Amino acid sequence: MKVSCVSVFDNKETMPDDGMVSAALGNAAIIWDELRTHVTDNYPGVAGEWKHYGKAAGWTYKLLSKKRNLLFFVPKNDCFRLRIVLGEKACACAEADNELPNEVKEAIRNAAPYTEGRSIDVDIERPGQLEAIKRLLIIKYEN
């Protein structure tokens, strides 16, 4: 299922809380929590914050390590969009990585290059998708 990049939470006046996120995500809330816990347990100095990026994007939850953006979570109905931005060095390492699935490598190749890197979006619907994300985080963090 492909979803738009607009958050299910678009009202700037109402920052989402854990209950709202769980209700919107349904079964995907467990995956959301698992990934957040993984990142905070394995990467030093990680903090999360909600950010409203305007009416066209809505609320996004981002995880940062010492002001460095690690992941962006865009809550949807029954799933969430995960965005990770990789610099060119990290992209090259990901391409050479034997543990990443070919579809992830293809997404990196197809992502437009920007000054801050290549933005890769993945719609997260099932737990099995997290292994590739965890691997991308290692590559991003090391590069």
C-alpha atoms as a PDB file:
ATOM      1  CA  MET A   1       0.000   0.000   0.000  1.00  0.00           C
ATOM      2  CA  LYS A   2       1.451   3.343  -1.007  1.00  0.00           C
ATOM      3  CA  VAL A   3       0.305   6.378   0.906  1.00  0.00           C
ATOM      4  CA  SER A   4       0.755  10.082   0.494  1.00  0.00           C
ATOM      5  CA  CYS A   5       3.413  11.954   2.447  1.00  0.00           C
ATOM      6  CA  VAL A   6       0.829  13.999   4.362  1.00  0.00           C
ATOM      7  CA  SER A   7       0.462  13.150   8.037  1.00  0.00           C
ATOM      8  CA  VAL A   8      -2.904  12.004   9.300  1.00  0.00           C
ATOM      9  CA  PHE A   9      -2.415  14.777  11.888  1.00  0.00           C
ATOM     10  CA  ASP A  10      -2.670  18.075  10.045  1.00  0.00           C
ATOM     11  CA  ASN A  11      -4.133  20.414  12.704  1.00  0.00           C
ATOM     12  CA  LYS A  12      -1.257  22.663  13.782  1.00  0.00           C
ATOM     13  CA  GLU A  13      -3.027  23.471  17.057  1.00  0.00           C
ATOM     14  CA  THR A  14      -3.100  19.832  18.220  1.00  0.00           C
ATOM     15  CA  MET A  15       0.261  18.108  18.611  1.00  0.00           C
ATOM     16  CA  PRO A  16      -0.263  14.328  18.528  1.00  0.00           C
ATOM     17  CA  ASP A  17       0.212  12.283  21.675  1.00  0.00           C
ATOM     18  CA  ASP A  18       0.876   8.555  22.105  1.00  0.00           C
ATOM     19  CA  GLY A  19      -2.838   7.718  22.354  1.00  0.00           C
ATOM     20  CA  MET A  20      -3.665   9.563  19.142  1.00  0.00           C
ATOM     21  CA  VAL A  21      -0.777   7.879  17.329  1.00  0.00           C
ATOM     22  CA  SER A  22      -1.807   4.410  18.517  1.00  0.00           C
ATOM     23  CA  ALA A  23      -5.386   4.976  17.431  1.00  0.00           C
ATOM     24  CA  ALA A  24      -4.373   6.196  13.964  1.00  0.00           C
ATOM     25  CA  LEU A  25      -1.711   3.564  13.298  1.00  0.00           C
ATOM     26  CA  GLY A  26      -3.670   0.545  14.498  1.00  0.00           C
ATOM     27  CA  ASN A  27      -1.468  -2.557  14.304  1.00  0.00           C
ATOM     28  CA  ALA A  28       1.432  -0.504  12.941  1.00  0.00           C
ATOM     29  CA  ALA A  29       1.710   1.272  16.327  1.00  0.00           C
ATOM     30  CA  ILE A  30       3.643  -1.728  17.673  1.00  0.00           C
ATOM     31  CA  ILE A  31       6.175  -1.350  14.861  1.00  0.00           C
ATOM     32  CA  TRP A  32       6.410   2.428  15.467  1.00  0.00           C
ATOM     33  CA  ASP A  33       7.164   1.807  19.158  1.00  0.00           C
ATOM     34  CA  GLU A  34       9.647  -0.981  18.404  1.00  0.00           C
ATOM     35  CA  LEU A  35      11.656   1.203  16.038  1.00  0.00           C
ATOM     36  CA  ARG A  36      11.645   4.204  18.384  1.00  0.00           C
ATOM     37  CA  THR A  37      12.836   1.990  21.245  1.00  0.00           C
ATOM     38  CA  HIS A  38      15.526   0.420  19.068  1.00  0.00           C
ATOM     39  CA  VAL A  39      16.920   3.813  18.089  1.00  0.00           C
ATOM     40  CA  THR A  40      16.882   5.290  21.594  1.00  0.00           C
ATOM     41  CA  ASP A  41      18.461   2.127  23.047  1.00  0.00           C
ATOM     42  CA  ASN A  42      21.228   1.850  20.440  1.00  0.00           C
ATOM     43  CA  TYR A  43      22.223   5.402  19.550  1.00  0.00           C
ATOM     44  CA  PRO A  44      23.590   7.828  22.160  1.00  0.00           C
ATOM     45  CA  GLY A  45      21.924  11.158  22.808  1.00  0.00           C
ATOM     46  CA  VAL A  46      18.808  10.472  20.751  1.00  0.00           C
ATOM     47  CA  ALA A  47      15.783  12.641  21.364  1.00  0.00           C
ATOM     48  CA  GLY A  48      12.416  12.717  19.654  1.00  0.00           C
ATOM     49  CA  GLU A  49      10.299  15.718  18.807  1.00  0.00           C
ATOM     50  CA  TRP A  50       7.119  16.518  16.957  1.00  0.00           C
ATOM     51  CA  LYS A  51       7.368  19.127  14.216  1.00  0.00           C
ATOM     52  CA  HIS A  52       4.563  20.647  12.166  1.00  0.00           C
ATOM     53  CA  TYR A  53       5.827  21.245   8.637  1.00  0.00           C
ATOM     54  CA  GLY A  54       2.785  23.156   7.415  1.00  0.00           C
ATOM     55  CA  LYS A  55      -0.700  22.312   6.207  1.00  0.00           C
ATOM     56  CA  ALA A  56       0.615  20.387   3.203  1.00  0.00           C
ATOM     57  CA  ALA A  57       2.677  17.999   5.375  1.00  0.00           C
ATOM     58  CA  GLY A  58       1.156  18.063   8.866  1.00  0.00           C
ATOM     59  CA  TRP A  59       2.851  16.681  11.985  1.00  0.00           C
ATOM     60  CA  THR A  60       6.008  14.571  11.697  1.00  0.00           C
ATOM     61  CA  TYR A  61       7.861  12.888  14.539  1.00  0.00           C
ATOM     62  CA  LYS A  62      11.608  13.018  14.140  1.00  0.00           C
ATOM     63  CA  LEU A  63      14.445  11.347  15.992  1.00  0.00           C
ATOM     64  CA  LEU A  64      17.654  13.334  16.321  1.00  0.00           C
ATOM     65  CA  SER A  65      21.100  12.522  17.658  1.00  0.00           C
ATOM     66  CA  LYS A  66      22.907  15.662  18.751  1.00  0.00           C
ATOM     67  CA  LYS A  67      20.938  17.827  16.288  1.00  0.00           C
ATOM     68  CA  ARG A  68      21.520  15.310  13.466  1.00  0.00           C
ATOM     69  CA  ASN A  69      18.269  14.043  11.966  1.00  0.00           C
ATOM     70  CA  LEU A  70      18.143  10.244  12.016  1.00  0.00           C
ATOM     71  CA  LEU A  71      14.576   9.350  11.060  1.00  0.00           C
ATOM     72  CA  PHE A  72      11.301  11.056  10.256  1.00  0.00           C
ATOM     73  CA  PHE A  73       8.035   9.265  11.117  1.00  0.00           C
ATOM     74  CA  VAL A  74       4.911  10.405   9.256  1.00  0.00           C
ATOM     75  CA  PRO A  75       1.808   8.889  10.897  1.00  0.00           C
ATOM     76  CA  LYS A  76      -0.835   7.574   8.517  1.00  0.00           C
ATOM     77  CA  ASN A  77      -3.991   5.496   8.906  1.00  0.00           C
ATOM     78  CA  ASP A  78      -2.950   1.898   9.701  1.00  0.00           C
ATOM     79  CA  CYS A  79       0.701   2.478   8.710  1.00  0.00           C
ATOM     80  CA  PHE A  80       3.389   5.120   8.755  1.00  0.00           C
ATOM     81  CA  ARG A  81       5.845   6.589   6.310  1.00  0.00           C
ATOM     82  CA  LEU A  82       9.446   6.491   7.402  1.00  0.00           C
ATOM     83  CA  ARG A  83      11.977   8.852   5.850  1.00  0.00           C
ATOM     84  CA  ILE A  84      15.722   8.558   6.155  1.00  0.00           C
ATOM     85  CA  VAL A  85      18.157  10.910   4.451  1.00  0.00           C
ATOM     86  CA  LEU A  86      21.519   9.447   3.455  1.00  0.00           C
ATOM     87  CA  GLY A  87      24.572  11.419   2.384  1.00  0.00           C
ATOM     88  CA  GLU A  88      26.418  10.295  -0.728  1.00  0.00           C
ATOM     89  CA  LYS A  89      29.051   8.382   1.277  1.00  0.00           C
ATOM     90  CA  ALA A  90      26.309   6.493   3.122  1.00  0.00           C
ATOM     91  CA  CYS A  91      24.546   5.817  -0.202  1.00  0.00           C
ATOM     92  CA  ALA A  92      27.716   4.268  -1.614  1.00  0.00           C
ATOM     93  CA  CYS A  93      28.107   2.110   1.506  1.00  0.00           C
ATOM     94  CA  ALA A  94      24.466   1.024   1.273  1.00  0.00           C
ATOM     95  CA  GLU A  95      24.924   0.065  -2.365  1.00  0.00           C
ATOM     96  CA  ALA A  96      27.870  -2.173  -1.426  1.00  0.00           C
ATOM     97  CA  ASP A  97      26.101  -3.679   1.600  1.00  0.00           C
ATOM     98  CA  ASN A  98      25.212  -7.355   1.194  1.00  0.00           C
ATOM     99  CA  GLU A  99      22.518  -7.296   3.896  1.00  0.00           C
ATOM    100  CA  LEU A 100      20.232  -4.707   2.287  1.00  0.00           C
ATOM    101  CA  PRO A 101      17.453  -5.942   0.007  1.00  0.00           C
ATOM    102  CA  ASN A 102      17.657  -4.970  -3.657  1.00  0.00           C
ATOM    103  CA  GLU A 103      14.432  -2.918  -3.426  1.00  0.00           C
ATOM    104  CA  VAL A 104      16.068  -0.690  -0.796  1.00  0.00           C
ATOM    105  CA  LYS A 105      19.140  -0.231  -2.973  1.00  0.00           C
ATOM    106  CA  GLU A 106      16.869   0.577  -5.905  1.00  0.00           C
ATOM    107  CA  ALA A 107      15.029   3.196  -3.811  1.00  0.00           C
ATOM    108  CA  ILE A 108      18.376   4.800  -2.954  1.00  0.00           C
ATOM    109  CA  ARG A 109      19.446   4.811  -6.612  1.00  0.00           C
ATOM    110  CA  ASN A 110      16.134   6.392  -7.647  1.00  0.00           C
ATOM    111  CA  ALA A 111      16.140   9.065  -4.930  1.00  0.00           C
ATOM    112  CA  ALA A 112      16.978  12.538  -6.162  1.00  0.00           C
ATOM    113  CA  PRO A 113      20.279  13.905  -4.829  1.00  0.00           C
ATOM    114  CA  TYR A 114      20.061  17.080  -2.737  1.00  0.00           C
ATOM    115  CA  THR A 115      22.625  19.013  -0.710  1.00  0.00           C
ATOM    116  CA  GLU A 116      21.633  17.182   2.479  1.00  0.00           C
ATOM    117  CA  GLY A 117      21.603  13.780   0.738  1.00  0.00           C
ATOM    118  CA  ARG A 118      19.096  11.390  -0.756  1.00  0.00           C
ATOM    119  CA  SER A 119      15.713  11.045   0.905  1.00  0.00           C
ATOM    120  CA  ILE A 120      14.379   7.486   1.039  1.00  0.00           C
ATOM    121  CA  ASP A 121      10.724   6.942   1.970  1.00  0.00           C
ATOM    122  CA  VAL A 122       9.373   3.576   3.088  1.00  0.00           C
ATOM    123  CA  ASP A 123       5.775   2.839   4.008  1.00  0.00           C
ATOM    124  CA  ILE A 124       5.968   0.660   7.129  1.00  0.00           C
ATOM    125  CA  GLU A 125       3.161  -1.851   7.494  1.00  0.00           C
ATOM    126  CA  ARG A 126       4.753  -5.016   8.897  1.00  0.00           C
ATOM    127  CA  PRO A 127       7.577  -5.853  11.348  1.00  0.00           C
ATOM    128  CA  GLY A 128       9.733  -7.581   8.727  1.00  0.00           C
ATOM    129  CA  GLN A 129      10.498  -4.221   7.143  1.00  0.00           C
ATOM    130  CA  LEU A 130      12.456  -3.025  10.179  1.00  0.00           C
ATOM    131  CA  GLU A 131      15.624  -5.040   9.563  1.00  0.00           C
ATOM    132  CA  ALA A 132      16.462  -3.051   6.428  1.00  0.00           C
ATOM    133  CA  ILE A 133      15.713   0.216   8.266  1.00  0.00           C
ATOM    134  CA  LYS A 134      17.955  -0.797  11.167  1.00  0.00           C
ATOM    135  CA  ARG A 135      20.731  -1.612   8.681  1.00  0.00           C
ATOM    136  CA  LEU A 136      20.303   1.781   6.963  1.00  0.00           C
ATOM    137  CA  LEU A 137      20.558   3.490  10.345  1.00  0.00           C
ATOM    138  CA  ILE A 138      23.883   1.783  11.043  1.00  0.00           C
ATOM    139  CA  ILE A 139      25.170   2.899   7.660  1.00  0.00           C
ATOM    140  CA  LYS A 140      23.884   6.458   8.159  1.00  0.00           C
ATOM    141  CA  TYR A 141      25.300   6.714  11.677  1.00  0.00           C
ATOM    142  CA  GLU A 142      28.741   5.450  10.622  1.00  0.00           C
ATOM    143  CA  ASN A 143      28.928   7.749   7.601  1.00  0.00           C
END
